[in-house]
C-alpha atoms as a PDB file:
ATOM      1  CA  UNK A   1     102.065  90.560  70.261  1.00  0.00           C
ATOM      2  CA  UNK A   2     101.457  86.802  69.237  1.00  0.00           C
ATOM      3  CA  UNK A   3     101.825  84.160  72.013  1.00  0.00           C
ATOM      4  CA  UNK A   4     105.224  82.254  71.875  1.00  0.00           C
ATOM      5  CA  UNK A   5     105.031  78.725  70.172  1.00  0.00           C
ATOM      6  CA  UNK A   6     104.878  75.968  72.630  1.00  0.00           C
ATOM      7  CA  UNK A   7     108.309  74.318  73.263  1.00  0.00           C
ATOM      8  CA  UNK A   8     108.670  70.664  73.037  1.00  0.00           C
ATOM      9  CA  UNK A   9     109.935  68.625  76.141  1.00  0.00           C
ATOM     10  CA  UNK A  10     113.385  68.516  74.620  1.00  0.00           C
ATOM     11  CA  UNK A  11     113.690  72.123  74.328  1.00  0.00           C
ATOM     12  CA  UNK A  12     112.277  72.837  77.946  1.00  0.00           C
ATOM     13  CA  UNK A  13     114.968  70.549  79.328  1.00  0.00           C
ATOM     14  CA  UNK A  14     117.687  72.276  77.503  1.00  0.00           C
ATOM     15  CA  UNK A  15     116.255  75.709  78.870  1.00  0.00           C
ATOM     16  CA  UNK A  16     116.161  74.367  82.378  1.00  0.00           C
ATOM     17  CA  UNK A  17     119.680  73.170  82.157  1.00  0.00           C
ATOM     18  CA  UNK A  18     120.777  76.773  80.793  1.00  0.00           C
ATOM     19  CA  UNK A  19     118.826  78.326  83.571  1.00  0.00           C
ATOM     20  CA  UNK A  20     120.218  76.245  86.487  1.00  0.00           C
ATOM     21  CA  UNK A  21     123.093  78.477  87.032  1.00  0.00           C
ATOM     22  CA  UNK A  22     121.360  81.659  86.804  1.00  0.00           C
ATOM     23  CA  UNK A  23     120.502  84.075  89.518  1.00  0.00           C
ATOM     24  CA  UNK A  24     117.290  85.756  89.912  1.00  0.00           C
ATOM     25  CA  UNK A  25     117.308  88.975  88.162  1.00  0.00           C
ATOM     26  CA  UNK A  26     113.784  90.242  88.828  1.00  0.00           C
ATOM     27  CA  UNK A  27     112.135  89.959  92.115  1.00  0.00           C
ATOM     28  CA  UNK A  28     108.457  90.443  92.852  1.00  0.00           C
ATOM     29  CA  UNK A  29     108.058  91.631  96.285  1.00  0.00           C
ATOM     30  CA  UNK A  30     105.082  91.750  98.957  1.00  0.00           C
ATOM     31  CA  UNK A  31     103.599  94.581  96.901  1.00  0.00           C
ATOM     32  CA  UNK A  32     102.995  92.223  94.011  1.00  0.00           C
ATOM     33  CA  UNK A  33     103.041  93.350  90.398  1.00  0.00           C
ATOM     34  CA  UNK A  34     103.618  96.797  89.461  1.00  0.00           C
ATOM     35  CA  UNK A  35     104.604  98.553  86.208  1.00  0.00           C
ATOM     36  CA  UNK A  36     108.151  98.663  87.230  1.00  0.00           C
ATOM     37  CA  UNK A  37     108.508  95.048  87.806  1.00  0.00           C
ATOM     38  CA  UNK A  38     106.824  94.418  84.434  1.00  0.00           C
ATOM     39  CA  UNK A  39     109.103  96.867  82.717  1.00  0.00           C
ATOM     40  CA  UNK A  40     112.280  95.315  84.422  1.00  0.00           C
ATOM     41  CA  UNK A  41     111.110  91.856  83.319  1.00  0.00           C
ATOM     42  CA  UNK A  42     110.585  93.147  79.685  1.00  0.00           C
ATOM     43  CA  UNK A  43     114.068  94.522  79.675  1.00  0.00           C
ATOM     44  CA  UNK A  44     115.609  91.379  81.128  1.00  0.00           C
ATOM     45  CA  UNK A  45     113.836  89.002  78.520  1.00  0.00           C
ATOM     46  CA  UNK A  46     114.773  91.314  75.691  1.00  0.00           C
ATOM     47  CA  UNK A  47     118.293  91.173  76.754  1.00  0.00           C
ATOM     48  CA  UNK A  48     118.591  87.389  77.910  1.00  0.00           C
ATOM     49  CA  UNK A  49     115.820  85.485  76.538  1.00  0.00           C
ATOM     50  CA  UNK A  50     116.102  83.300  79.769  1.00  0.00           C
ATOM     51  CA  UNK A  51     115.086  84.890  83.021  1.00  0.00           C
ATOM     52  CA  UNK A  52     114.964  83.587  86.667  1.00  0.00           C
ATOM     53  CA  UNK A  53     112.495  85.385  89.012  1.00  0.00           C
ATOM     54  CA  UNK A  54     112.101  85.440  92.869  1.00  0.00           C
ATOM     55  CA  UNK A  55     108.532  85.543  94.062  1.00  0.00           C
ATOM     56  CA  UNK A  56     107.994  86.627  97.790  1.00  0.00           C
ATOM     57  CA  UNK A  57     104.332  85.698  97.981  1.00  0.00           C
ATOM     58  CA  UNK A  58     103.878  83.115 100.728  1.00  0.00           C
ATOM     59  CA  UNK A  59     100.543  81.459  99.407  1.00  0.00           C
ATOM     60  CA  UNK A  60     101.225  78.807  96.723  1.00  0.00           C
ATOM     61  CA  UNK A  61      98.125  79.622  94.872  1.00  0.00           C
ATOM     62  CA  UNK A  62      99.029  83.487  94.775  1.00  0.00           C
ATOM     63  CA  UNK A  63     102.774  82.735  93.551  1.00  0.00           C
ATOM     64  CA  UNK A  64     100.952  80.669  90.715  1.00  0.00           C
ATOM     65  CA  UNK A  65      98.763  83.364  89.830  1.00  0.00           C
ATOM     66  CA  UNK A  66     101.690  86.017  89.700  1.00  0.00           C
ATOM     67  CA  UNK A  67     103.576  83.819  87.643  1.00  0.00           C
ATOM     68  CA  UNK A  68     100.701  83.153  85.126  1.00  0.00           C
ATOM     69  CA  UNK A  69      99.927  86.841  85.039  1.00  0.00           C
ATOM     70  CA  UNK A  70     103.707  87.657  84.444  1.00  0.00           C
ATOM     71  CA  UNK A  71     103.748  85.081  81.501  1.00  0.00           C
ATOM     72  CA  UNK A  72     100.600  86.603  80.065  1.00  0.00           C
ATOM     73  CA  UNK A  73     101.775  90.191  80.156  1.00  0.00           C
ATOM     74  CA  UNK A  74     105.332  89.642  79.130  1.00  0.00           C
ATOM     75  CA  UNK A  75     104.480  87.281  76.346  1.00  0.00           C
ATOM     76  CA  UNK A  76     106.888  84.721  77.980  1.00  0.00           C
ATOM     77  CA  UNK A  77     106.755  80.911  78.611  1.00  0.00           C
ATOM     78  CA  UNK A  78     106.851  79.340  81.774  1.00  0.00           C
ATOM     79  CA  UNK A  79     109.892  76.778  81.841  1.00  0.00           C
ATOM     80  CA  UNK A  80     110.013  75.999  85.561  1.00  0.00           C
ATOM     81  CA  UNK A  81     108.612  76.700  88.883  1.00  0.00           C
ATOM     82  CA  UNK A  82     110.130  75.488  91.962  1.00  0.00           C
ATOM     83  CA  UNK A  83     109.030  77.087  95.429  1.00  0.00           C
ATOM     84  CA  UNK A  84     109.645  80.708  95.221  1.00  0.00           C
ATOM     85  CA  UNK A  85     111.635  80.779  91.935  1.00  0.00           C
ATOM     86  CA  UNK A  86     110.415  80.774  88.169  1.00  0.00           C
ATOM     87  CA  UNK A  87     112.231  80.704  84.917  1.00  0.00           C
ATOM     88  CA  UNK A  88     110.625  82.364  82.077  1.00  0.00           C
ATOM     89  CA  UNK A  89     111.512  82.355  78.349  1.00  0.00           C
ATOM     90  CA  UNK A  90     110.726  84.541  75.455  1.00  0.00           C
ATOM     91  CA  UNK A  91     112.519  84.236  72.203  1.00  0.00           C
ATOM     92  CA  UNK A  92     114.460  87.463  71.271  1.00  0.00           C
ATOM     93  CA  UNK A  93     113.168  88.901  67.886  1.00  0.00           C
ATOM     94  CA  UNK A  94     115.584  88.879  65.110  1.00  0.00           C
ATOM     95  CA  UNK A  95     117.437  92.094  64.699  1.00  0.00           C
ATOM     96  CA  UNK A  96     118.653  93.312  61.361  1.00  0.00           C
ATOM     97  CA  UNK A  97     122.207  93.953  61.244  1.00  0.00           C
ATOM     98  CA  UNK A  98     123.199  97.639  60.848  1.00  0.00           C
ATOM     99  CA  UNK A  99     123.476  98.851  57.313  1.00  0.00           C
ATOM    100  CA  UNK A 100     127.264  99.163  56.334  1.00  0.00           C
ATOM    101  CA  UNK A 101     128.708 102.558  55.994  1.00  0.00           C
ATOM    102  CA  UNK A 102     130.655 103.088  52.649  1.00  0.00           C
ATOM    103  CA  UNK A 103     133.487 105.373  53.106  1.00  0.00           C
ATOM    104  CA  UNK A 104     134.249 107.847  50.665  1.00  0.00           C
ATOM    105  CA  UNK A 105     137.905 108.136  49.631  1.00  0.00           C
ATOM    106  CA  UNK A 106     139.586 111.451  49.330  1.00  0.00           C
ATOM    107  CA  UNK A 107     140.178 112.650  45.907  1.00  0.00           C
END
């Protein structure tokens, strides 16, 4: 997957405003990253584009490393990081509308 294009400052501000009211939907516990956490993040980003995370690591450097790893592995862009909370964004791919079904009228 290609990396997301860099967002402008104006786009980041708009995304931070949208994320303000969100509750964290993915939590990274003391056990760190697992395949389950990455799968849940992938599902959340596919469904919502903008996701708030809660990271339980006590060390600031460890939190930064976890967030950087999450961004890289989920192909997402970090929008904001404050304390134990981070906001990630990944644009949802365009989905083609389902083909229309033609009804055959009874003769």
